[in-house]
Every structure is written in C-alpha cells, then in structure tokens.
C-alpha cells in the first residue's frame, strides 16, 4: 500500500469512528498474562507478557519519515521505541483491515496479522500461551454519538 492508499484506508476508520481515531487503549489478558496495545484504526500489538503502560504508550516505529532528508533525532514530535527482537518484547502485530457499524449500534473493527513474527523462541516455556496461532482480531465497541455543534454566528 502506498502513502495515498494508506491515508484513504485510515480515513475509512475515521469516517465511522471519529472519536476514537488514533487513540490508544492498553489492556491485559490475565489468563495468558498478555498485554494488548490497540491503536484505533491502525494496529494491535500483542505482547506475551505483562508490559507496563509507560512502556507501551510509546509507539514502535512501524512507520518512516515522509521526507528523505536525514535529520538528527528526534525525528518526531512524540517519543518512539524501536522494534525489539527479544521474544518477550517483540509484539505480534495486526493491522487494521476493515470497520463496520452493526444494527446493535456497535462498531466492529477487524485487524489481521501482517506476517509471522519471525522469532522462533516463545516468551513462555508453556507453548499453549503463545499468540502465534492468532491471525485475526475483532474489536467490538459501543458506537459513540457524534456531537453536532451549532453554527456560530459572526459578530457584527
């Protein structure tokens, strides 16, 4: 997908669920001790261990600068972190695929695995706790009501 196609794809999510666009949600799954970082309309990362919120709130550089000019760091107006090759810190990455609004006034976003992690060691010695078998994630959330603001009249 090129930059223009990526922007159009991102706008599909924005058109349906504007209030959550580019917001991050961090949650945990207790049974497997997994951490989830959900960037609405963009990606989901599953970590095979409990990670702190302060660690997860900094996005991984899964993107690159639009300019070819090499600037000295920092390259962005927010803190980032590089992708780790250590199995306990390298997430399983799922990218935004589709979005729909249901008749129950819910929003369903689908995310699919981009590719295998290419890390062959599991973070856990218990192979049943790996997330390698997950290929698609659906996130269901209540639809938010768009706030309509009255037009402001110009002061004479």
N, C-alpha and C. Protein backbone atom coordinates (compact mmCIF):
# COMPACT_ATOMS: atom_id res chain seq x y z
N UNK A 1 0.84 -1.17 0.00
CA UNK A 1 0.00 0.00 0.00
C UNK A 1 0.90 1.25 0.00
N UNK A 2 0.66 2.17 -0.91
CA UNK A 2 1.46 3.39 -0.92
C UNK A 2 0.87 4.40 0.07
N UNK A 3 1.49 5.57 0.18
CA UNK A 3 1.07 6.57 1.17
C UNK A 3 -0.35 7.05 0.96
N UNK A 4 -0.72 7.29 -0.28
CA UNK A 4 -2.07 7.77 -0.56
C UNK A 4 -3.11 6.71 -0.21
N UNK A 5 -2.85 5.47 -0.60
CA UNK A 5 -3.76 4.36 -0.27
C UNK A 5 -3.86 4.18 1.24
N UNK A 6 -2.73 4.32 1.93
CA UNK A 6 -2.73 4.19 3.39
C UNK A 6 -3.59 5.26 4.03
N UNK A 7 -3.49 6.47 3.53
CA UNK A 7 -4.29 7.57 4.07
C UNK A 7 -5.77 7.31 3.84
N UNK A 8 -6.15 6.86 2.66
CA UNK A 8 -7.55 6.54 2.37
C UNK A 8 -8.05 5.40 3.27
N UNK A 9 -7.20 4.41 3.49
CA UNK A 9 -7.57 3.28 4.35
C UNK A 9 -7.80 3.75 5.79
N UNK A 10 -6.93 4.61 6.28
CA UNK A 10 -7.06 5.17 7.62
C UNK A 10 -8.33 6.00 7.74
N UNK A 11 -8.68 6.71 6.69
CA UNK A 11 -9.88 7.55 6.71
C UNK A 11 -11.17 6.73 6.75
N UNK A 12 -11.12 5.47 6.32
CA UNK A 12 -12.30 4.60 6.44
C UNK A 12 -12.68 4.47 7.92
N UNK A 13 -11.69 4.26 8.76
CA UNK A 13 -11.94 4.16 10.20
C UNK A 13 -12.40 5.50 10.76
N UNK A 14 -11.80 6.58 10.29
CA UNK A 14 -12.16 7.91 10.79
C UNK A 14 -13.60 8.26 10.43
N UNK A 15 -14.07 7.85 9.27
CA UNK A 15 -15.43 8.17 8.85
C UNK A 15 -16.49 7.47 9.70
N UNK A 16 -16.15 6.31 10.25
CA UNK A 16 -17.11 5.55 11.05
C UNK A 16 -16.96 5.82 12.54
N UNK A 17 -15.73 6.00 13.01
CA UNK A 17 -15.47 6.10 14.45
C UNK A 17 -14.49 7.24 14.74
N UNK A 18 -14.94 8.46 14.51
CA UNK A 18 -14.06 9.62 14.62
C UNK A 18 -13.54 9.85 16.03
N UNK A 19 -14.36 9.60 17.03
CA UNK A 19 -13.97 9.95 18.40
C UNK A 19 -12.81 9.11 18.93
N UNK A 20 -12.60 7.93 18.37
CA UNK A 20 -11.51 7.07 18.84
C UNK A 20 -10.30 7.08 17.91
N UNK A 21 -10.39 7.79 16.83
CA UNK A 21 -9.33 7.76 15.82
C UNK A 21 -7.97 8.10 16.43
N UNK A 22 -7.03 7.23 16.19
CA UNK A 22 -5.64 7.35 16.64
C UNK A 22 -5.49 7.39 18.16
N UNK A 23 -6.52 6.95 18.88
CA UNK A 23 -6.41 6.81 20.33
C UNK A 23 -5.82 5.45 20.63
N UNK A 24 -5.13 5.36 21.76
CA UNK A 24 -4.52 4.09 22.15
C UNK A 24 -5.23 3.54 23.38
N UNK A 25 -5.49 2.25 23.36
CA UNK A 25 -6.04 1.56 24.52
C UNK A 25 -5.05 0.47 24.90
N UNK A 26 -4.76 0.38 26.18
CA UNK A 26 -3.86 -0.66 26.69
C UNK A 26 -4.68 -1.52 27.64
N UNK A 27 -4.64 -2.83 27.42
CA UNK A 27 -5.38 -3.74 28.29
C UNK A 27 -4.59 -5.04 28.45
N UNK A 28 -5.07 -5.85 29.38
CA UNK A 28 -4.34 -7.06 29.73
C UNK A 28 -5.28 -8.26 29.73
N UNK A 29 -4.74 -9.42 29.39
CA UNK A 29 -5.47 -10.68 29.42
C UNK A 29 -4.80 -11.50 30.52
N UNK A 30 -5.50 -11.69 31.63
CA UNK A 30 -4.90 -12.28 32.82
C UNK A 30 -4.49 -13.73 32.69
N UNK A 31 -5.30 -14.56 32.03
CA UNK A 31 -5.02 -16.00 31.97
C UNK A 31 -3.67 -16.29 31.31
N UNK A 32 -3.39 -15.66 30.19
CA UNK A 32 -2.12 -15.88 29.49
C UNK A 32 -1.06 -14.86 29.86
N UNK A 33 -1.44 -13.86 30.65
CA UNK A 33 -0.52 -12.78 31.04
C UNK A 33 -0.02 -12.03 29.80
N UNK A 34 -0.95 -11.70 28.92
CA UNK A 34 -0.64 -10.95 27.71
C UNK A 34 -0.98 -9.48 27.91
N UNK A 35 -0.28 -8.63 27.19
CA UNK A 35 -0.59 -7.20 27.13
C UNK A 35 -1.03 -6.87 25.71
N UNK A 36 -2.02 -6.01 25.60
CA UNK A 36 -2.52 -5.56 24.30
C UNK A 36 -2.37 -4.06 24.21
N UNK A 37 -1.88 -3.61 23.10
CA UNK A 37 -1.85 -2.18 22.79
C UNK A 37 -2.66 -2.02 21.50
N UNK A 38 -3.78 -1.31 21.62
CA UNK A 38 -4.67 -1.13 20.47
C UNK A 38 -4.63 0.32 20.05
N UNK A 39 -4.15 0.57 18.86
CA UNK A 39 -4.16 1.91 18.28
C UNK A 39 -5.33 1.92 17.30
N UNK A 40 -6.44 2.55 17.70
CA UNK A 40 -7.69 2.51 16.94
C UNK A 40 -7.49 2.94 15.50
N UNK A 41 -7.93 2.11 14.60
CA UNK A 41 -7.85 2.42 13.18
C UNK A 41 -6.49 2.19 12.58
N UNK A 42 -5.55 1.62 13.36
CA UNK A 42 -4.22 1.42 12.81
C UNK A 42 -3.70 0.00 13.09
N UNK A 43 -3.42 -0.32 14.35
CA UNK A 43 -2.83 -1.63 14.63
C UNK A 43 -3.13 -2.11 16.04
N UNK A 44 -2.91 -3.41 16.24
CA UNK A 44 -2.96 -4.04 17.55
C UNK A 44 -1.65 -4.78 17.75
N UNK A 45 -1.09 -4.64 18.93
CA UNK A 45 0.12 -5.38 19.29
C UNK A 45 -0.22 -6.28 20.48
N UNK A 46 0.14 -7.56 20.36
CA UNK A 46 0.00 -8.50 21.48
C UNK A 46 1.40 -8.82 21.98
N UNK A 47 1.61 -8.63 23.27
CA UNK A 47 2.87 -8.98 23.92
C UNK A 47 2.61 -10.20 24.79
N UNK A 48 3.52 -11.16 24.77
CA UNK A 48 3.32 -12.41 25.50
C UNK A 48 3.75 -12.31 26.96
N UNK A 49 3.67 -11.14 27.52
CA UNK A 49 3.90 -10.93 28.95
C UNK A 49 3.28 -9.60 29.35
N UNK A 50 3.17 -9.37 30.63
CA UNK A 50 2.62 -8.11 31.11
C UNK A 50 3.69 -7.03 30.97
N UNK A 51 3.33 -5.98 30.22
CA UNK A 51 4.24 -4.85 30.00
C UNK A 51 3.64 -3.62 30.68
N UNK A 52 4.48 -2.73 31.16
CA UNK A 52 3.97 -1.54 31.83
C UNK A 52 3.33 -0.59 30.83
N UNK A 53 2.37 0.18 31.32
CA UNK A 53 1.72 1.18 30.47
C UNK A 53 2.73 2.21 29.97
N UNK A 54 3.67 2.59 30.83
CA UNK A 54 4.66 3.60 30.43
C UNK A 54 5.51 3.10 29.26
N UNK A 55 5.75 1.80 29.19
CA UNK A 55 6.49 1.21 28.07
C UNK A 55 5.62 1.17 26.81
N UNK A 56 4.39 0.71 26.97
CA UNK A 56 3.50 0.52 25.82
C UNK A 56 2.99 1.82 25.21
N UNK A 57 2.94 2.88 26.00
CA UNK A 57 2.37 4.13 25.46
C UNK A 57 3.26 4.78 24.40
N UNK A 58 4.53 4.42 24.34
CA UNK A 58 5.40 4.93 23.29
C UNK A 58 5.30 4.02 22.07
N UNK A 59 4.89 4.55 20.92
CA UNK A 59 4.69 3.70 19.75
C UNK A 59 6.00 3.14 19.19
N UNK A 60 5.90 1.95 18.63
CA UNK A 60 7.02 1.33 17.92
C UNK A 60 7.11 2.00 16.56
N UNK A 61 8.30 2.20 16.09
CA UNK A 61 8.48 2.81 14.77
C UNK A 61 8.16 1.80 13.67
N UNK A 62 6.88 1.67 13.38
CA UNK A 62 6.43 0.84 12.26
C UNK A 62 6.19 1.74 11.06
N UNK A 63 6.66 2.96 11.15
CA UNK A 63 6.45 3.97 10.12
C UNK A 63 7.80 4.62 9.84
N UNK A 64 7.85 5.39 8.80
CA UNK A 64 9.09 6.09 8.47
C UNK A 64 8.78 7.54 8.12
N UNK A 65 9.80 8.36 8.16
CA UNK A 65 9.61 9.77 7.84
C UNK A 65 9.23 9.91 6.37
N UNK A 66 8.39 10.88 6.07
CA UNK A 66 7.99 11.12 4.69
C UNK A 66 9.07 11.82 3.91
N UNK A 67 9.91 12.54 4.60
CA UNK A 67 10.98 13.29 3.94
C UNK A 67 12.22 12.41 3.84
N UNK A 68 12.89 12.52 2.73
CA UNK A 68 14.13 11.75 2.54
C UNK A 68 15.33 12.43 3.20
N UNK A 69 15.14 13.65 3.63
CA UNK A 69 16.23 14.40 4.25
C UNK A 69 16.51 13.81 5.63
N UNK A 70 17.75 13.45 5.87
CA UNK A 70 18.12 12.87 7.15
C UNK A 70 18.28 13.99 8.17
N UNK A 71 17.46 13.95 9.18
CA UNK A 71 17.54 14.92 10.26
C UNK A 71 18.10 14.22 11.48
N UNK A 72 18.71 14.99 12.34
CA UNK A 72 19.20 14.38 13.57
C UNK A 72 18.01 14.16 14.51
N UNK A 73 18.07 13.12 15.33
CA UNK A 73 16.95 12.84 16.24
C UNK A 73 16.70 14.02 17.17
N UNK A 74 15.50 14.21 17.65
CA UNK A 74 14.34 13.36 17.44
C UNK A 74 13.68 13.63 16.09
N UNK A 75 13.17 12.56 15.48
CA UNK A 75 12.54 12.67 14.17
C UNK A 75 11.06 13.02 14.27
N UNK A 76 10.47 12.82 15.44
CA UNK A 76 9.04 13.01 15.59
C UNK A 76 8.76 13.91 16.79
N UNK A 77 7.54 14.39 16.88
CA UNK A 77 7.14 15.26 17.99
C UNK A 77 6.63 14.44 19.18
N UNK A 78 6.88 13.14 19.18
CA UNK A 78 6.49 12.27 20.27
C UNK A 78 7.57 11.21 20.43
N UNK A 79 7.62 10.59 21.58
CA UNK A 79 8.62 9.56 21.85
C UNK A 79 8.24 8.26 21.15
N UNK A 80 9.23 7.57 20.61
CA UNK A 80 9.03 6.29 19.96
C UNK A 80 10.01 5.28 20.53
N UNK A 81 9.83 4.03 20.16
CA UNK A 81 10.79 2.99 20.52
C UNK A 81 11.00 2.09 19.32
N UNK A 82 12.16 1.48 19.24
CA UNK A 82 12.47 0.62 18.09
C UNK A 82 11.91 -0.77 18.36
N UNK A 83 11.65 -1.50 17.30
CA UNK A 83 11.13 -2.86 17.41
C UNK A 83 12.22 -3.78 17.96
N UNK A 84 11.88 -4.53 18.99
CA UNK A 84 12.83 -5.44 19.63
C UNK A 84 12.78 -6.81 18.97
N UNK A 85 13.91 -7.52 18.99
CA UNK A 85 13.96 -8.90 18.51
C UNK A 85 13.84 -9.90 19.66
N UNK A 86 13.81 -9.41 20.88
CA UNK A 86 13.67 -10.26 22.06
C UNK A 86 12.22 -10.73 22.13
N UNK A 87 12.00 -12.03 22.23
CA UNK A 87 10.65 -12.59 22.10
C UNK A 87 9.65 -12.05 23.12
N UNK A 88 10.11 -11.65 24.29
CA UNK A 88 9.17 -11.13 25.29
C UNK A 88 8.81 -9.67 25.04
N UNK A 89 9.59 -8.98 24.23
CA UNK A 89 9.31 -7.57 23.94
C UNK A 89 8.84 -7.34 22.52
N UNK A 90 9.01 -8.32 21.65
CA UNK A 90 8.57 -8.18 20.25
C UNK A 90 7.10 -8.56 20.16
N UNK A 91 6.26 -7.64 19.72
CA UNK A 91 4.83 -7.95 19.68
C UNK A 91 4.43 -8.74 18.45
N UNK A 92 3.29 -9.36 18.56
CA UNK A 92 2.59 -9.90 17.39
C UNK A 92 1.81 -8.71 16.84
N UNK A 93 1.99 -8.38 15.58
CA UNK A 93 1.41 -7.16 15.01
C UNK A 93 0.25 -7.49 14.08
N UNK A 94 -0.85 -6.80 14.29
CA UNK A 94 -2.05 -6.95 13.48
C UNK A 94 -2.43 -5.56 12.97
N UNK A 95 -2.68 -5.43 11.68
CA UNK A 95 -3.01 -4.13 11.10
C UNK A 95 -4.50 -4.02 10.79
N UNK A 96 -4.99 -2.81 10.87
CA UNK A 96 -6.39 -2.51 10.60
C UNK A 96 -6.76 -3.00 9.21
N UNK A 97 -7.87 -3.74 9.14
CA UNK A 97 -8.34 -4.30 7.88
C UNK A 97 -9.67 -3.70 7.45
N UNK A 98 -10.66 -3.71 8.37
CA UNK A 98 -11.98 -3.21 8.00
C UNK A 98 -12.73 -2.72 9.23
N UNK A 99 -13.82 -2.00 8.96
CA UNK A 99 -14.66 -1.46 10.03
C UNK A 99 -16.11 -1.48 9.57
N UNK A 100 -17.01 -1.75 10.52
CA UNK A 100 -18.43 -1.70 10.18
C UNK A 100 -19.22 -1.32 11.43
N UNK A 101 -20.36 -0.71 11.20
CA UNK A 101 -21.28 -0.37 12.27
C UNK A 101 -22.42 -1.38 12.21
N UNK A 102 -22.77 -1.98 13.35
CA UNK A 102 -23.79 -3.02 13.38
C UNK A 102 -25.16 -2.43 13.69
N UNK A 103 -26.18 -3.25 13.53
CA UNK A 103 -27.55 -2.83 13.85
C UNK A 103 -27.75 -2.66 15.36
N UNK A 104 -26.84 -3.20 16.16
CA UNK A 104 -26.90 -3.06 17.62
C UNK A 104 -26.19 -1.80 18.09
N UNK A 105 -25.88 -0.90 17.17
CA UNK A 105 -25.18 0.35 17.47
C UNK A 105 -23.79 0.08 18.06
N UNK A 106 -23.11 -0.89 17.48
CA UNK A 106 -21.74 -1.22 17.86
C UNK A 106 -20.84 -1.02 16.65
N UNK A 107 -19.58 -0.81 16.93
CA UNK A 107 -18.59 -0.69 15.87
C UNK A 107 -17.67 -1.90 15.98
N UNK A 108 -17.50 -2.60 14.87
CA UNK A 108 -16.63 -3.78 14.82
C UNK A 108 -15.46 -3.46 13.91
N UNK A 109 -14.27 -3.50 14.48
CA UNK A 109 -13.05 -3.28 13.70
C UNK A 109 -12.32 -4.60 13.60
N UNK A 110 -11.88 -4.94 12.40
CA UNK A 110 -11.12 -6.17 12.17
C UNK A 110 -9.66 -5.82 11.90
N UNK A 111 -8.79 -6.58 12.52
CA UNK A 111 -7.35 -6.43 12.35
C UNK A 111 -6.80 -7.80 11.96
N UNK A 112 -5.85 -7.84 11.04
CA UNK A 112 -5.28 -9.12 10.64
C UNK A 112 -3.76 -9.08 10.77
N UNK A 113 -3.20 -10.26 11.01
CA UNK A 113 -1.75 -10.36 11.18
C UNK A 113 -1.07 -10.03 9.86
N UNK A 114 -0.10 -9.16 9.93
CA UNK A 114 0.63 -8.76 8.73
C UNK A 114 1.51 -9.90 8.24
N UNK A 115 2.25 -10.49 9.15
CA UNK A 115 3.15 -11.60 8.83
C UNK A 115 3.58 -12.25 10.14
N UNK A 116 4.14 -13.45 10.08
CA UNK A 116 4.64 -14.08 11.31
C UNK A 116 5.74 -13.22 11.93
N UNK A 117 5.95 -13.37 13.22
CA UNK A 117 6.95 -12.56 13.92
C UNK A 117 8.38 -12.87 13.50
N UNK A 118 8.62 -14.03 12.99
CA UNK A 118 9.97 -14.47 12.61
C UNK A 118 10.90 -14.57 13.82
N UNK A 119 10.29 -14.77 14.97
CA UNK A 119 11.04 -15.04 16.19
C UNK A 119 10.59 -16.42 16.63
N UNK A 120 11.52 -17.34 16.72
CA UNK A 120 11.14 -18.73 16.91
C UNK A 120 11.13 -19.16 18.37
N UNK A 121 11.60 -18.30 19.25
CA UNK A 121 11.54 -18.61 20.67
C UNK A 121 10.31 -17.95 21.27
N UNK A 122 9.55 -18.70 22.03
CA UNK A 122 8.40 -18.13 22.71
C UNK A 122 8.88 -17.45 23.99
N UNK A 123 8.14 -16.48 24.42
CA UNK A 123 8.47 -15.79 25.66
C UNK A 123 8.23 -16.70 26.86
N UNK A 124 7.31 -17.62 26.72
CA UNK A 124 6.95 -18.53 27.81
C UNK A 124 7.42 -19.94 27.49
N UNK A 125 7.75 -20.69 28.52
CA UNK A 125 8.11 -22.09 28.31
C UNK A 125 6.85 -22.92 28.02
N UNK A 126 5.69 -22.36 28.33
CA UNK A 126 4.41 -23.03 28.06
C UNK A 126 3.95 -22.63 26.66
N UNK A 127 4.09 -23.53 25.70
CA UNK A 127 3.76 -23.23 24.30
C UNK A 127 2.28 -22.92 24.09
N UNK A 128 1.42 -23.33 25.03
CA UNK A 128 0.00 -23.03 24.88
C UNK A 128 -0.30 -21.55 25.13
N UNK A 129 0.69 -20.82 25.66
CA UNK A 129 0.49 -19.40 25.94
C UNK A 129 0.99 -18.49 24.82
N UNK A 130 1.40 -19.04 23.72
CA UNK A 130 1.88 -18.21 22.62
C UNK A 130 0.70 -17.66 21.82
N UNK A 131 0.91 -16.52 21.19
CA UNK A 131 -0.14 -15.89 20.36
C UNK A 131 0.09 -16.17 18.87
N UNK A 132 0.99 -17.10 18.56
CA UNK A 132 1.31 -17.40 17.15
C UNK A 132 0.10 -17.91 16.37
N UNK A 133 -0.84 -18.55 17.05
CA UNK A 133 -2.00 -19.14 16.37
C UNK A 133 -3.09 -18.12 16.04
N UNK A 134 -2.95 -16.89 16.49
CA UNK A 134 -3.97 -15.87 16.24
C UNK A 134 -3.65 -15.16 14.92
N UNK A 135 -4.64 -15.09 14.04
CA UNK A 135 -4.44 -14.45 12.74
C UNK A 135 -5.36 -13.25 12.52
N UNK A 136 -6.45 -13.20 13.29
CA UNK A 136 -7.40 -12.10 13.12
C UNK A 136 -7.96 -11.71 14.49
N UNK A 137 -8.16 -10.42 14.68
CA UNK A 137 -8.74 -9.90 15.92
C UNK A 137 -9.89 -8.98 15.55
N UNK A 138 -11.01 -9.13 16.24
CA UNK A 138 -12.12 -8.20 16.08
C UNK A 138 -12.32 -7.47 17.40
N UNK A 139 -12.42 -6.17 17.31
CA UNK A 139 -12.65 -5.33 18.48
C UNK A 139 -14.05 -4.75 18.35
N UNK A 140 -14.87 -5.00 19.36
CA UNK A 140 -16.25 -4.50 19.36
C UNK A 140 -16.35 -3.41 20.42
N UNK A 141 -16.90 -2.29 20.02
CA UNK A 141 -17.06 -1.17 20.95
C UNK A 141 -18.40 -0.49 20.71
N UNK A 142 -18.94 0.15 21.74
CA UNK A 142 -20.19 0.88 21.52
C UNK A 142 -19.95 2.06 20.59
N UNK A 143 -20.91 2.32 19.74
CA UNK A 143 -20.79 3.47 18.85
C UNK A 143 -20.90 4.74 19.68
N UNK A 144 -20.09 5.70 19.37
CA UNK A 144 -20.18 6.98 20.07
C UNK A 144 -21.00 7.93 19.24
N UNK A 145 -21.68 8.79 19.92
CA UNK A 145 -22.54 9.75 19.24
C UNK A 145 -21.71 10.96 18.84
N UNK A 146 -21.80 11.32 17.59
CA UNK A 146 -21.08 12.49 17.10
C UNK A 146 -21.77 13.74 17.63
N UNK A 147 -21.00 14.60 18.21
CA UNK A 147 -21.55 15.83 18.77
C UNK A 147 -21.72 16.85 17.65
N UNK A 148 -22.94 17.27 17.45
CA UNK A 148 -23.23 18.30 16.45
C UNK A 148 -23.17 19.65 17.15
N UNK A 149 -22.32 20.49 16.69
CA UNK A 149 -22.20 21.82 17.29
C UNK A 149 -23.01 22.82 16.47
N UNK A 150 -23.72 23.71 17.17
CA UNK A 150 -24.47 24.72 16.42
C UNK A 150 -23.52 25.67 15.70
N UNK A 151 -23.99 26.16 14.57
CA UNK A 151 -23.15 27.11 13.83
C UNK A 151 -22.99 28.38 14.64
N UNK A 152 -21.80 28.92 14.61
CA UNK A 152 -21.54 30.17 15.32
C UNK A 152 -21.81 31.32 14.36
N UNK A 153 -22.58 32.24 14.83
CA UNK A 153 -22.86 33.43 14.02
C UNK A 153 -21.73 34.42 14.18
N UNK A 154 -21.39 35.05 13.11
CA UNK A 154 -20.35 36.07 13.16
C UNK A 154 -20.85 37.28 13.93
N UNK A 155 -19.99 37.84 14.74
CA UNK A 155 -20.34 39.04 15.49
C UNK A 155 -20.22 40.23 14.57
N UNK A 156 -21.29 41.10 14.51
CA UNK A 156 -21.24 42.25 13.59
C UNK A 156 -20.20 43.27 13.99
